[in-house]
Amino acid sequence: MASDSESTEIPPSDPATTCTDAPLSQKKLEQEYYNIQRGLTIMEEVTKTRAAGKKISVQWNKKGQAIKSAKFISYIGVVAKTTVPITQKSWRKVDQATKDIVWETVSSGFEIDESKKDFVLQKAGRALRSFRHFITQKYLKDPDAEFVAQVPPLLQPLVKQEDWDAFVVSRREKEFKELSAQNKKRVAKNEYPYRAGRLGYAGVEQKEVEAEGSDVTISRQRLWALARTNKDGVIDNPRVKEVAEKIDSLSQEVSQGKLPEHEDILARALGTPDHPGRVRGVGFGVTKKQYFGKIKKRTSASSSEVQELREEQAVMKQQLEAQAKLIDMLLKGQIPGRLLGDVSPSGKDSCTVPSDKIPEGENDCNCLADNPSRKVVATGRVYNIAGDTIHNLPLPPDCIRVSLLVAIDPKYPLPYPTDEMQTVGDALGSFVAWPSHLVMVGTPKPPKDPLPPKKKCLCLL
């Protein structure tokens, strides 16, 4: 059985990777360039190993993350890139049969069991997204800013000509240009940029464990800070330094007994809780349940954990109530569009609430379409919290954070889409930014006197 313990260090910069106008850092472009070259080489190596009836072993840490496994991670990427076309905009929209092919190909070359399938597929989705960004920044246009017609030589083993043609067309569209501009602005506002590169949180943790001893436990707040140091191990970003100092202060309070032993120090230092399904400061492949489930070995819960459980229960209750109401309305043949009173034909007298009139805290809400009909496209919960952010980034101007729970119009485009979420249906169970003037506070109410079928459309004209 072969071993995957190859170094993840990136070789010196290749002149061919130089990109004169790239929102992504030069280091990230070099990493992706190296990933492609290395991935193709590893594919040949894995094929030979598999032909000899062998598989390559993979090491995992206590959190279930692959460590010292550069070949494994690179192979996942190259399999995903050769299996899924670059024209696929979202990994969520890739059909299950294709995902199964990715999993079967990877598992046939490495010693991994079915429990690692989610890890492999999620990693494949990330690799595809990074690949699309890399192509857009590095190869889409020539030095004269003209779109490249033929597949570049480096990409020919991975990309078909017909897929390249379709990809170029999609990058010419106005919708893509607007989305790209929005994402650039949001990324530029990131106050706490990650700086550990290809190493990842798992790699940062492994280095610390090897330096201090195998029995050492590295807290996630420490990992978060270590992943934002420069090459000399120094925090030179003022905003990161401010949070690191808060972390030190809170850690001292815990050690002195002023705070509960299992207080969420990172969340308190940043001033914002983790988003559902994500755990900051631990890296890829670790869920909230996995991480916090391993440290809750005590007779009493901390205040932050109790609050977290209450919030999760409230979201579940709201989702069940909203779904029950909508099902009831559908069974009665009613259209869920007349909510909390009538919406006027012009939209001028609609029941939308300005952002400064939305009650502070968490409330039921309806999200309206940005068109004259002002129809309700989703229901959920609105969070009017001072200094709130969305996925650790500032909210867009005149927007508010909303958790979408029920999709009334799943195909309605999100006001601020991302690579993974482009429609209301994609964003169910997630937080999104929604224009404040298009958020209606309250829960759905069926109309008192349902109109006959022929007249239902008249109220929307």
Protein backbone atom coordinates (compact mmCIF):
# COMPACT_ATOMS: atom_id res chain seq x y z
CA MET A 1 0.00 0.00 0.00
CA ALA A 2 1.50 3.31 -1.10
CA SER A 3 1.66 6.39 1.13
CA ASP A 4 0.59 9.97 0.47
CA SER A 5 2.99 12.10 2.50
CA GLU A 6 4.26 14.47 -0.14
CA SER A 7 4.95 18.09 0.82
CA THR A 8 2.37 20.73 -0.03
CA GLU A 9 4.98 23.46 -0.53
CA ILE A 10 4.57 25.46 -3.73
CA PRO A 11 7.62 25.73 -6.03
CA PRO A 12 9.06 29.09 -7.09
CA SER A 13 6.85 31.23 -9.31
CA ASP A 14 6.74 30.28 -12.97
CA PRO A 15 6.93 33.29 -15.32
CA ALA A 16 4.04 31.82 -17.27
CA THR A 17 1.72 32.36 -14.30
CA THR A 18 2.11 36.12 -14.30
CA CYS A 19 -1.27 37.87 -14.43
CA THR A 20 -1.36 41.64 -14.82
CA ASP A 21 -4.98 42.29 -13.85
CA ALA A 22 -6.22 39.77 -11.29
CA PRO A 23 -8.52 40.39 -8.32
CA LEU A 24 -7.26 37.09 -6.92
CA SER A 25 -3.81 37.35 -5.37
CA GLN A 26 -0.79 36.33 -7.46
CA LYS A 27 -0.06 33.63 -4.90
CA LYS A 28 -3.46 32.03 -5.43
CA LEU A 29 -2.99 32.05 -9.20
CA GLU A 30 0.38 30.36 -8.80
CA GLN A 31 -1.18 27.77 -6.51
CA GLU A 32 -3.86 26.89 -9.04
CA TYR A 33 -1.31 26.76 -11.88
CA TYR A 34 0.78 24.38 -9.78
CA ASN A 35 -2.34 22.35 -8.87
CA ILE A 36 -3.12 21.71 -12.54
CA GLN A 37 0.39 20.61 -13.45
CA ARG A 38 0.74 18.49 -10.33
CA GLY A 39 -2.74 17.02 -10.65
CA LEU A 40 -2.07 15.70 -14.15
CA THR A 41 1.16 14.08 -12.97
CA ILE A 42 -0.57 12.51 -9.96
CA MET A 43 -3.37 11.17 -12.18
CA GLU A 44 -0.81 9.13 -14.11
CA GLU A 45 0.79 7.94 -10.85
CA VAL A 46 -2.54 6.87 -9.33
CA THR A 47 -3.49 5.07 -12.54
CA LYS A 48 -0.26 3.03 -12.40
CA THR A 49 -0.73 2.26 -8.69
CA ARG A 50 -4.32 1.14 -9.29
CA ALA A 51 -3.22 -1.04 -12.23
CA ALA A 52 -0.81 -2.80 -9.88
CA GLY A 53 -3.74 -3.64 -7.58
CA LYS A 54 -2.73 -1.15 -4.90
CA LYS A 55 -4.20 1.95 -3.30
CA ILE A 56 -2.59 5.00 -1.71
CA SER A 57 -3.18 5.49 2.01
CA VAL A 58 -4.57 8.75 3.44
CA GLN A 59 -3.93 10.22 6.89
CA TRP A 60 -6.73 11.89 8.87
CA ASN A 61 -6.66 14.05 11.98
CA LYS A 62 -9.08 13.80 14.92
CA LYS A 63 -11.51 16.19 13.19
CA GLY A 64 -11.78 13.98 10.11
CA GLN A 65 -9.60 16.21 7.89
CA ALA A 66 -7.03 14.83 5.47
CA ILE A 67 -3.46 15.74 6.51
CA LYS A 68 -0.13 15.24 4.75
CA SER A 69 -2.22 14.19 1.78
CA ALA A 70 -1.21 16.47 -1.07
CA LYS A 71 -1.64 13.73 -3.67
CA PHE A 72 -5.12 12.90 -2.39
CA ILE A 73 -6.35 16.52 -2.48
CA SER A 74 -4.78 17.19 -5.89
CA TYR A 75 -6.28 14.01 -7.33
CA ILE A 76 -9.76 14.98 -6.14
CA GLY A 77 -9.33 18.28 -7.97
CA VAL A 78 -8.15 16.84 -11.26
CA VAL A 79 -10.89 14.16 -11.26
CA ALA A 80 -13.53 16.84 -10.68
CA LYS A 81 -12.10 19.03 -13.45
CA THR A 82 -12.02 16.20 -15.99
CA THR A 83 -15.50 14.92 -15.05
CA VAL A 84 -17.57 18.09 -14.66
CA PRO A 85 -17.47 20.73 -17.46
CA ILE A 86 -16.42 24.29 -16.61
CA THR A 87 -19.81 25.49 -17.87
CA GLN A 88 -21.45 24.05 -14.74
CA LYS A 89 -22.06 27.14 -12.61
CA SER A 90 -22.77 25.46 -9.29
CA TRP A 91 -21.67 22.18 -7.70
CA ARG A 92 -25.13 21.89 -6.13
CA LYS A 93 -26.63 21.60 -9.60
CA VAL A 94 -24.34 18.74 -10.68
CA ASP A 95 -26.45 15.58 -11.00
CA GLN A 96 -25.90 12.77 -8.49
CA ALA A 97 -24.76 10.30 -11.15
CA THR A 98 -21.83 12.58 -12.05
CA LYS A 99 -20.94 13.08 -8.39
CA ASP A 100 -20.95 9.31 -7.92
CA ILE A 101 -18.47 8.97 -10.79
CA VAL A 102 -16.15 11.46 -9.04
CA TRP A 103 -16.41 9.51 -5.77
CA GLU A 104 -15.89 6.09 -7.38
CA THR A 105 -12.86 7.31 -9.34
CA VAL A 106 -11.20 8.82 -6.26
CA SER A 107 -12.02 5.91 -3.93
CA SER A 108 -10.64 3.39 -6.44
CA GLY A 109 -7.17 4.93 -6.08
CA PHE A 110 -7.05 5.75 -2.35
CA GLU A 111 -7.70 3.88 0.90
CA ILE A 112 -10.93 5.64 1.96
CA ASP A 113 -14.30 4.30 3.07
CA GLU A 114 -17.87 5.48 2.43
CA SER A 115 -17.79 7.76 5.49
CA LYS A 116 -15.42 10.08 3.60
CA LYS A 117 -17.71 10.51 0.58
CA ASP A 118 -19.08 13.89 1.70
CA PHE A 119 -15.55 15.17 2.32
CA VAL A 120 -14.44 14.12 -1.17
CA LEU A 121 -17.46 15.60 -2.96
CA GLN A 122 -17.36 18.89 -1.06
CA LYS A 123 -13.65 19.17 -1.84
CA ALA A 124 -14.41 18.49 -5.51
CA GLY A 125 -16.95 21.32 -5.55
CA ARG A 126 -14.41 23.74 -4.10
CA ALA A 127 -11.79 22.64 -6.62
CA LEU A 128 -14.16 23.36 -9.51
CA ARG A 129 -15.02 26.81 -8.20
CA SER A 130 -11.34 27.68 -7.78
CA PHE A 131 -10.64 26.32 -11.28
CA ARG A 132 -13.31 28.55 -12.87
CA HIS A 133 -11.90 31.61 -11.08
CA PHE A 134 -8.38 30.72 -12.19
CA ILE A 135 -9.38 30.31 -15.84
CA THR A 136 -11.30 33.59 -15.80
CA GLN A 137 -8.40 35.56 -14.35
CA LYS A 138 -5.48 33.85 -16.11
CA TYR A 139 -6.57 32.53 -19.51
CA LEU A 140 -9.88 34.09 -20.55
CA LYS A 141 -8.25 37.08 -22.25
CA ASP A 142 -4.96 37.66 -24.07
CA PRO A 143 -2.53 40.55 -23.32
CA ASP A 144 -4.63 42.79 -25.60
CA ALA A 145 -7.74 42.09 -23.46
CA GLU A 146 -9.33 40.05 -26.26
CA PHE A 147 -11.18 36.82 -25.43
CA VAL A 148 -9.10 33.73 -26.22
CA ALA A 149 -10.78 31.54 -28.87
CA GLN A 150 -8.88 28.27 -28.40
CA VAL A 151 -8.38 26.22 -25.25
CA PRO A 152 -4.95 27.16 -23.81
CA PRO A 153 -2.38 24.30 -23.99
CA LEU A 154 -2.21 23.80 -20.21
CA LEU A 155 -5.98 23.32 -20.02
CA GLN A 156 -6.41 21.03 -23.04
CA PRO A 157 -6.22 17.79 -20.97
CA LEU A 158 -9.06 19.15 -18.79
CA VAL A 159 -11.32 21.28 -21.00
CA LYS A 160 -13.10 20.43 -24.26
CA GLN A 161 -13.25 23.06 -27.02
CA GLU A 162 -17.08 23.16 -27.01
CA ASP A 163 -17.07 23.75 -23.24
CA TRP A 164 -14.48 26.50 -23.65
CA ASP A 165 -16.62 28.22 -26.29
CA ALA A 166 -19.68 28.13 -24.01
CA PHE A 167 -17.61 29.33 -21.05
CA VAL A 168 -16.33 32.34 -22.99
CA VAL A 169 -19.88 33.23 -24.03
CA SER A 170 -21.08 33.06 -20.41
CA ARG A 171 -18.26 35.41 -19.32
CA ARG A 172 -19.38 37.98 -21.88
CA GLU A 173 -22.87 38.20 -20.40
CA LYS A 174 -23.97 41.24 -18.44
CA GLU A 175 -25.23 39.07 -15.58
CA PHE A 176 -21.76 37.59 -14.99
CA LYS A 177 -20.04 40.97 -15.15
CA GLU A 178 -22.42 42.42 -12.56
CA LEU A 179 -22.02 39.40 -10.26
CA SER A 180 -18.24 39.57 -10.61
CA ALA A 181 -18.18 43.27 -9.72
CA GLN A 182 -20.34 42.65 -6.64
CA ASN A 183 -18.14 39.80 -5.42
CA LYS A 184 -14.96 41.85 -5.89
CA LYS A 185 -16.38 44.65 -3.77
CA ARG A 186 -17.44 42.28 -1.03
CA VAL A 187 -14.10 40.45 -0.95
CA ALA A 188 -12.28 43.80 -0.82
CA LYS A 189 -14.16 44.59 2.41
CA ASN A 190 -12.97 41.44 4.18
CA GLU A 191 -11.36 42.71 7.39
CA TYR A 192 -9.73 39.43 8.40
CA PRO A 193 -8.08 37.91 5.28
CA TYR A 194 -6.94 34.28 5.53
CA ARG A 195 -3.21 33.95 4.80
CA ALA A 196 -2.24 30.30 5.30
CA GLY A 197 -2.62 29.52 1.57
CA ARG A 198 -2.58 25.89 0.43
CA LEU A 199 -1.60 24.70 3.91
CA GLY A 200 -5.16 25.13 5.24
CA TYR A 201 -6.28 25.12 8.86
CA ALA A 202 -5.59 21.38 9.11
CA GLY A 203 -2.00 21.96 7.94
CA VAL A 204 -1.52 24.88 10.34
CA GLU A 205 -2.77 22.71 13.20
CA GLN A 206 -0.55 19.79 12.18
CA LYS A 207 2.56 22.01 12.22
CA GLU A 208 1.70 23.24 15.73
CA VAL A 209 1.02 19.71 16.97
CA GLU A 210 4.34 18.45 15.58
CA ALA A 211 6.16 21.39 17.16
CA GLU A 212 4.54 21.11 20.61
CA GLY A 213 3.71 17.41 20.93
CA SER A 214 1.04 14.99 19.73
CA ASP A 215 -1.03 15.35 22.92
CA VAL A 216 -1.50 19.10 22.45
CA THR A 217 -4.96 20.45 21.57
CA ILE A 218 -4.98 23.62 19.47
CA SER A 219 -8.05 25.78 20.09
CA ARG A 220 -9.94 27.13 17.10
CA GLN A 221 -9.40 30.74 18.19
CA ARG A 222 -5.64 30.12 18.14
CA LEU A 223 -5.85 28.47 14.72
CA TRP A 224 -7.89 31.41 13.44
CA ALA A 225 -5.14 33.83 14.52
CA LEU A 226 -2.25 31.63 13.26
CA ALA A 227 -3.87 31.44 9.82
CA ARG A 228 -3.70 35.24 9.59
CA THR A 229 -0.02 35.80 10.36
CA ASN A 230 2.62 36.79 7.80
CA LYS A 231 5.49 34.54 6.70
CA ASP A 232 7.41 35.51 9.85
CA GLY A 233 4.56 34.43 12.09
CA VAL A 234 3.58 38.00 12.98
CA ILE A 235 0.11 39.53 12.88
CA ASP A 236 0.56 42.74 10.89
CA ASN A 237 -3.09 43.44 10.13
CA PRO A 238 -4.47 45.96 12.71
CA ARG A 239 -8.00 44.52 12.64
CA VAL A 240 -6.75 40.94 13.09
CA LYS A 241 -4.43 42.10 15.85
CA GLU A 242 -7.37 43.70 17.65
CA VAL A 243 -9.31 40.42 17.58
CA ALA A 244 -6.22 38.45 18.66
CA GLU A 245 -5.86 40.71 21.70
CA LYS A 246 -9.52 40.13 22.59
CA ILE A 247 -8.91 36.39 22.27
CA ASP A 248 -5.99 36.60 24.73
CA SER A 249 -8.04 38.66 27.17
CA LEU A 250 -11.04 36.30 27.05
CA SER A 251 -8.77 33.26 27.40
CA GLN A 252 -7.36 34.75 30.60
CA GLU A 253 -10.88 35.32 31.93
CA VAL A 254 -11.70 31.67 31.27
CA SER A 255 -8.54 30.49 33.03
CA GLN A 256 -9.39 32.74 36.00
CA GLY A 257 -12.91 31.34 36.22
CA LYS A 258 -14.61 34.59 35.22
CA LEU A 259 -16.12 32.91 32.15
CA PRO A 260 -17.41 29.34 31.67
CA GLU A 261 -14.72 26.83 30.69
CA HIS A 262 -16.37 26.12 27.34
CA GLU A 263 -17.22 29.70 26.40
CA ASP A 264 -17.03 30.35 22.63
CA ILE A 265 -14.07 32.71 22.73
CA LEU A 266 -13.69 33.20 18.96
CA ALA A 267 -17.35 34.14 18.48
CA ARG A 268 -17.15 36.66 21.33
CA ALA A 269 -13.90 38.16 20.07
CA LEU A 270 -15.31 38.62 16.56
CA GLY A 271 -18.63 39.86 17.89
CA THR A 272 -20.66 37.54 15.62
CA PRO A 273 -21.82 33.92 16.02
CA ASP A 274 -20.97 31.17 13.54
CA HIS A 275 -23.37 30.84 10.63
CA PRO A 276 -25.48 27.64 10.57
CA GLY A 277 -23.51 24.69 9.26
CA ARG A 278 -20.13 26.46 9.42
CA VAL A 279 -17.38 26.51 12.02
CA ARG A 280 -14.80 29.28 11.75
CA GLY A 281 -11.16 28.62 12.55
CA VAL A 282 -11.08 24.84 11.99
CA GLY A 283 -11.00 24.50 8.21
CA PHE A 284 -12.65 22.37 5.55
CA GLY A 285 -14.62 19.24 6.36
CA VAL A 286 -15.63 19.99 9.97
CA THR A 287 -19.30 20.57 10.73
CA LYS A 288 -20.76 22.38 13.71
CA LYS A 289 -22.13 19.13 15.10
CA GLN A 290 -18.81 17.34 14.73
CA TYR A 291 -16.77 20.07 16.38
CA PHE A 292 -18.98 21.13 19.27
CA GLY A 293 -20.17 17.58 19.83
CA LYS A 294 -16.66 16.55 20.77
CA ILE A 295 -16.10 19.24 23.41
CA LYS A 296 -19.47 19.20 25.20
CA LYS A 297 -18.46 16.71 27.92
CA ARG A 298 -19.88 18.31 31.05
CA THR A 299 -22.99 18.54 33.20
CA SER A 300 -23.93 22.14 32.33
CA ALA A 301 -23.91 24.21 29.12
CA SER A 302 -22.35 27.67 28.67
CA SER A 303 -24.56 30.67 28.06
CA SER A 304 -23.50 30.94 24.42
CA GLU A 305 -24.34 27.29 23.76
CA VAL A 306 -27.74 27.59 25.41
CA GLN A 307 -28.47 30.64 23.24
CA GLU A 308 -27.30 28.75 20.16
CA LEU A 309 -29.68 25.87 20.89
CA ARG A 310 -32.56 28.27 21.43
CA GLU A 311 -31.86 29.97 18.09
CA GLU A 312 -31.75 26.63 16.27
CA GLN A 313 -35.04 25.55 17.89
CA ALA A 314 -36.68 28.87 16.93
CA VAL A 315 -35.59 28.49 13.30
CA MET A 316 -36.93 24.93 13.15
CA LYS A 317 -40.24 25.98 14.72
CA GLN A 318 -40.62 28.89 12.29
CA GLN A 319 -39.87 26.67 9.29
CA LEU A 320 -42.46 24.07 10.33
CA GLU A 321 -45.13 26.72 10.99
CA ALA A 322 -44.54 28.49 7.69
CA GLN A 323 -44.59 25.25 5.72
CA ALA A 324 -47.82 24.14 7.42
CA LYS A 325 -49.53 27.45 6.56
CA LEU A 326 -48.44 27.32 2.93
CA ILE A 327 -49.58 23.70 2.56
CA ASP A 328 -52.96 24.64 4.05
CA MET A 329 -53.32 27.54 1.60
CA LEU A 330 -52.38 25.35 -1.36
CA LEU A 331 -54.91 22.70 -0.34
CA LYS A 332 -57.62 25.38 -0.21
CA GLY A 333 -56.69 26.58 -3.70
CA GLN A 334 -55.49 29.96 -2.45
CA ILE A 335 -52.55 31.81 -3.97
CA PRO A 336 -49.95 32.78 -1.33
CA GLY A 337 -49.45 36.33 -2.53
CA ARG A 338 -51.88 38.51 -0.52
CA LEU A 339 -50.06 38.67 2.77
CA LEU A 340 -50.65 41.11 5.63
CA GLY A 341 -53.16 43.14 3.62
CA ASP A 342 -53.41 44.03 -0.04
CA VAL A 343 -50.46 45.07 -2.16
CA SER A 344 -51.44 47.99 -4.35
CA PRO A 345 -51.16 47.68 -8.16
CA SER A 346 -48.47 50.34 -8.34
CA GLY A 347 -46.54 49.07 -5.33
CA LYS A 348 -46.65 52.57 -3.78
CA ASP A 349 -48.92 51.54 -0.94
CA SER A 350 -47.34 48.18 -0.29
CA CYS A 351 -46.79 46.88 3.21
CA THR A 352 -43.02 46.86 3.01
CA VAL A 353 -41.22 48.26 6.02
CA PRO A 354 -38.19 50.60 5.72
CA SER A 355 -34.99 49.27 7.33
CA ASP A 356 -35.22 51.84 10.13
CA LYS A 357 -38.77 50.64 10.90
CA ILE A 358 -37.95 46.91 11.05
CA PRO A 359 -37.93 45.92 14.74
CA GLU A 360 -34.52 45.20 16.18
CA GLY A 361 -33.56 41.60 16.71
CA GLU A 362 -35.07 38.55 14.99
CA ASN A 363 -38.54 38.49 13.41
CA ASP A 364 -40.69 36.56 10.93
CA CYS A 365 -40.59 38.08 7.48
CA ASN A 366 -41.61 37.82 3.83
CA CYS A 367 -39.17 38.65 1.03
CA LEU A 368 -40.65 40.55 -1.91
CA ALA A 369 -39.72 40.60 -5.59
CA ASP A 370 -38.00 43.72 -6.92
CA ASN A 371 -40.63 44.44 -9.57
CA PRO A 372 -44.02 46.24 -9.73
CA SER A 373 -45.93 43.13 -8.57
CA ARG A 374 -44.06 43.09 -5.23
CA LYS A 375 -45.04 39.44 -4.91
CA VAL A 376 -43.74 37.37 -2.01
CA VAL A 377 -41.03 35.02 -3.26
CA ALA A 378 -39.89 33.56 0.08
CA THR A 379 -40.58 33.55 3.81
CA GLY A 380 -38.07 33.35 6.62
CA ARG A 381 -36.50 35.29 9.48
CA VAL A 382 -35.02 38.81 9.35
CA TYR A 383 -32.16 39.84 11.63
CA ASN A 384 -31.94 43.59 12.31
CA ILE A 385 -28.73 43.68 14.30
CA ALA A 386 -26.37 46.65 14.49
CA GLY A 387 -23.08 46.02 12.68
CA ASP A 388 -24.37 42.75 11.23
CA THR A 389 -22.40 40.93 8.51
CA ILE A 390 -23.13 38.21 5.96
CA HIS A 391 -20.64 35.31 5.82
CA ASN A 392 -18.07 37.47 7.68
CA LEU A 393 -18.39 40.31 5.12
CA PRO A 394 -20.22 43.65 5.48
CA LEU A 395 -23.78 43.73 4.21
CA PRO A 396 -24.36 45.53 0.88
CA PRO A 397 -25.79 49.08 1.24
CA ASP A 398 -29.47 49.31 2.29
CA CYS A 399 -29.68 45.55 2.86
CA ILE A 400 -30.52 43.37 5.82
CA ARG A 401 -29.64 39.77 6.74
CA VAL A 402 -32.39 37.22 6.12
CA SER A 403 -32.57 33.46 6.66
CA LEU A 404 -34.71 31.92 3.89
CA LEU A 405 -36.88 29.07 5.19
CA VAL A 406 -39.64 28.53 2.59
CA ALA A 407 -39.38 29.17 -1.16
CA ILE A 408 -42.61 30.38 -2.75
CA ASP A 409 -40.85 31.11 -6.04
CA PRO A 410 -37.75 28.86 -6.00
CA LYS A 411 -36.51 30.17 -9.37
CA TYR A 412 -36.58 33.85 -8.38
CA PRO A 413 -32.99 35.22 -8.64
CA LEU A 414 -31.32 36.35 -5.41
CA PRO A 415 -30.63 40.11 -5.17
CA TYR A 416 -26.99 39.30 -4.33
CA PRO A 417 -26.14 35.84 -5.75
CA THR A 418 -22.92 33.88 -5.14
CA ASP A 419 -21.23 31.02 -6.97
CA GLU A 420 -23.12 28.50 -4.83
CA MET A 421 -26.47 30.30 -4.44
CA GLN A 422 -28.16 32.05 -7.36
CA THR A 423 -31.88 31.55 -6.74
CA VAL A 424 -34.23 31.48 -3.76
CA GLY A 425 -34.38 27.69 -4.06
CA ASP A 426 -30.59 27.43 -3.80
CA ALA A 427 -30.51 29.51 -0.61
CA LEU A 428 -33.04 27.66 1.56
CA GLY A 429 -31.66 27.30 5.08
CA SER A 430 -28.94 29.89 4.43
CA PHE A 431 -28.40 33.55 5.21
CA VAL A 432 -28.65 36.04 2.34
CA ALA A 433 -28.60 39.81 1.91
CA TRP A 434 -32.00 41.24 0.91
CA PRO A 435 -32.85 44.91 0.15
CA SER A 436 -34.45 46.34 3.30
CA HIS A 437 -37.34 47.98 1.43
CA LEU A 438 -38.31 44.56 0.05
CA VAL A 439 -38.62 42.88 3.45
CA MET A 440 -42.11 42.63 4.99
CA VAL A 441 -42.23 41.85 8.71
CA GLY A 442 -44.82 39.24 9.72
CA THR A 443 -46.08 35.75 8.83
CA PRO A 444 -48.31 34.64 5.89
CA LYS A 445 -52.06 35.11 6.37
CA PRO A 446 -54.61 33.53 4.02
CA PRO A 447 -57.08 36.03 2.49
CA LYS A 448 -60.46 36.25 4.28
CA ASP A 449 -62.57 36.01 1.09
CA PRO A 450 -60.82 34.02 -1.62
CA LEU A 451 -61.59 35.42 -5.06
CA PRO A 452 -63.01 33.24 -7.84
CA PRO A 453 -60.34 31.77 -10.16
CA LYS A 454 -61.08 34.24 -12.96
CA LYS A 455 -60.62 37.24 -10.67
CA LYS A 456 -57.46 36.16 -8.89
CA CYS A 457 -55.21 37.67 -11.53
CA LEU A 458 -57.09 41.00 -11.50
CA CYS A 459 -55.67 41.98 -8.12
CA LEU A 460 -52.15 41.84 -9.51
CA LEU A 461 -52.76 43.97 -12.62
